Structure formats: C-alpha cells, structure tokens
Amino acid sequence: MDQTKRYELSFRNPEVRVYAATVIPAVLLGLLVIIFSSSDFNFMYAALIQTIALMSFYFWRFIYRRKEKFKK
C-alpha cells in the first residue's frame, strides 16, 4: 500500500488531535447534560451538542484537506 494513502491513527496526525479535542469533550458534556439535566429534552440537547461538535470537526477537516491539497 502506498505510504501517502495510509491513514495514521496517532496524535502526530493533526486530524486525530482535532477530533480528540472536539468530539471527546462534546461526548463528556453530552453525558453530563443527560445525567444532570432535569429537562424532558436532555437527550435531544446531548445529541445537539455532539452534532455541533462533529459538524465543526468535519468543517475544519474540509478546510484543512483543501489547504493541504493546494499546498502540494
């Protein structure tokens, strides 16, 4: 397999670092909302938090990959 096409799953990869920095706190925050919220919509709020985190990650990834493509 070509080395440039392999996906490196380590913290040297900036995509993995940004994913860990955005999605893991969002999951923890969503769990805290589910546990401590007295609202009837606590699962919806948790899903909204996680959806926003994933959307922001993929938006950043789109911009990052476009920038990397034009850099080469």
C-alpha atoms as a PDB file:
ATOM      1  CA  MET A   1       0.000   0.000   0.000  1.00  0.00           C
ATOM      2  CA  ASP A   2       1.245   3.458  -0.836  1.00  0.00           C
ATOM      3  CA  GLN A   3       2.524   5.296   2.245  1.00  0.00           C
ATOM      4  CA  THR A   4       0.857   8.566   1.265  1.00  0.00           C
ATOM      5  CA  LYS A   5      -2.592   6.933   1.143  1.00  0.00           C
ATOM      6  CA  ARG A   6      -2.411   5.307   4.583  1.00  0.00           C
ATOM      7  CA  TYR A   7      -4.246   6.921   7.456  1.00  0.00           C
ATOM      8  CA  GLU A   8      -2.077   7.387  10.520  1.00  0.00           C
ATOM      9  CA  LEU A   9      -4.054   6.923  13.722  1.00  0.00           C
ATOM     10  CA  SER A  10      -1.747   8.686  16.159  1.00  0.00           C
ATOM     11  CA  PHE A  11      -1.516  12.080  17.764  1.00  0.00           C
ATOM     12  CA  ARG A  12       1.098  13.102  15.213  1.00  0.00           C
ATOM     13  CA  ASN A  13      -1.801  13.353  12.776  1.00  0.00           C
ATOM     14  CA  PRO A  14      -3.475  16.772  13.166  1.00  0.00           C
ATOM     15  CA  GLU A  15      -6.879  15.359  12.199  1.00  0.00           C
ATOM     16  CA  VAL A  16      -6.758  12.905  15.099  1.00  0.00           C
ATOM     17  CA  ARG A  17      -5.709  15.667  17.503  1.00  0.00           C
ATOM     18  CA  VAL A  18      -8.538  17.979  16.455  1.00  0.00           C
ATOM     19  CA  TYR A  19     -11.047  15.119  16.564  1.00  0.00           C
ATOM     20  CA  ALA A  20      -9.958  14.247  20.086  1.00  0.00           C
ATOM     21  CA  ALA A  21     -10.071  17.898  21.135  1.00  0.00           C
ATOM     22  CA  THR A  22     -13.596  18.484  19.815  1.00  0.00           C
ATOM     23  CA  VAL A  23     -15.525  15.234  19.968  1.00  0.00           C
ATOM     24  CA  ILE A  24     -14.345  13.731  23.266  1.00  0.00           C
ATOM     25  CA  PRO A  25     -15.269  16.834  25.321  1.00  0.00           C
ATOM     26  CA  ALA A  26     -18.597  17.019  23.478  1.00  0.00           C
ATOM     27  CA  VAL A  27     -19.378  13.411  24.393  1.00  0.00           C
ATOM     28  CA  LEU A  28     -18.484  14.073  28.023  1.00  0.00           C
ATOM     29  CA  LEU A  29     -20.558  17.254  28.048  1.00  0.00           C
ATOM     30  CA  GLY A  30     -23.459  15.370  26.491  1.00  0.00           C
ATOM     31  CA  LEU A  31     -23.248  12.717  29.188  1.00  0.00           C
ATOM     32  CA  LEU A  32     -23.231  15.394  31.874  1.00  0.00           C
ATOM     33  CA  VAL A  33     -26.290  17.011  30.305  1.00  0.00           C
ATOM     34  CA  ILE A  34     -28.092  13.671  30.279  1.00  0.00           C
ATOM     35  CA  ILE A  35     -27.180  12.919  33.887  1.00  0.00           C
ATOM     36  CA  PHE A  36     -27.757  16.318  35.478  1.00  0.00           C
ATOM     37  CA  SER A  37     -30.457  17.917  33.342  1.00  0.00           C
ATOM     38  CA  SER A  38     -33.973  17.924  34.677  1.00  0.00           C
ATOM     39  CA  SER A  39     -35.435  18.756  31.280  1.00  0.00           C
ATOM     40  CA  ASP A  40     -37.545  16.359  29.263  1.00  0.00           C
ATOM     41  CA  PHE A  41     -35.343  17.080  26.251  1.00  0.00           C
ATOM     42  CA  ASN A  42     -31.981  16.203  27.809  1.00  0.00           C
ATOM     43  CA  PHE A  43     -31.228  13.522  25.185  1.00  0.00           C
ATOM     44  CA  MET A  44     -32.009  15.998  22.429  1.00  0.00           C
ATOM     45  CA  TYR A  45     -29.688  18.580  23.974  1.00  0.00           C
ATOM     46  CA  ALA A  46     -26.911  15.999  24.265  1.00  0.00           C
ATOM     47  CA  ALA A  47     -27.399  14.942  20.651  1.00  0.00           C
ATOM     48  CA  LEU A  48     -27.354  18.586  19.576  1.00  0.00           C
ATOM     49  CA  ILE A  49     -24.066  19.196  21.395  1.00  0.00           C
ATOM     50  CA  GLN A  50     -22.480  16.148  19.789  1.00  0.00           C
ATOM     51  CA  THR A  51     -23.848  17.013  16.347  1.00  0.00           C
ATOM     52  CA  ILE A  52     -22.415  20.518  16.544  1.00  0.00           C
ATOM     53  CA  ALA A  53     -19.046  19.101  17.596  1.00  0.00           C
ATOM     54  CA  LEU A  54     -18.984  16.619  14.709  1.00  0.00           C
ATOM     55  CA  MET A  55     -20.085  19.237  12.202  1.00  0.00           C
ATOM     56  CA  SER A  56     -17.398  21.634  13.366  1.00  0.00           C
ATOM     57  CA  PHE A  57     -14.781  18.881  13.121  1.00  0.00           C
ATOM     58  CA  TYR A  58     -15.782  17.929   9.570  1.00  0.00           C
ATOM     59  CA  PHE A  59     -15.934  21.587   8.553  1.00  0.00           C
ATOM     60  CA  TRP A  60     -12.399  22.064   9.876  1.00  0.00           C
ATOM     61  CA  ARG A  61     -11.292  18.832   8.145  1.00  0.00           C
ATOM     62  CA  PHE A  62     -12.731  20.004   4.826  1.00  0.00           C
ATOM     63  CA  ILE A  63     -10.810  23.290   5.053  1.00  0.00           C
ATOM     64  CA  TYR A  64      -7.645  21.536   6.263  1.00  0.00           C
ATOM     65  CA  ARG A  65      -7.633  18.994   3.434  1.00  0.00           C
ATOM     66  CA  ARG A  66      -8.334  21.663   0.844  1.00  0.00           C
ATOM     67  CA  LYS A  67      -5.422  23.703   2.186  1.00  0.00           C
ATOM     68  CA  GLU A  68      -3.156  20.628   2.152  1.00  0.00           C
ATOM     69  CA  LYS A  69      -4.183  19.783  -1.406  1.00  0.00           C
ATOM     70  CA  PHE A  70      -3.328  23.251  -2.684  1.00  0.00           C
ATOM     71  CA  LYS A  71      -0.075  23.340  -0.720  1.00  0.00           C
ATOM     72  CA  LYS A  72       1.388  20.420  -2.684  1.00  0.00           C
END
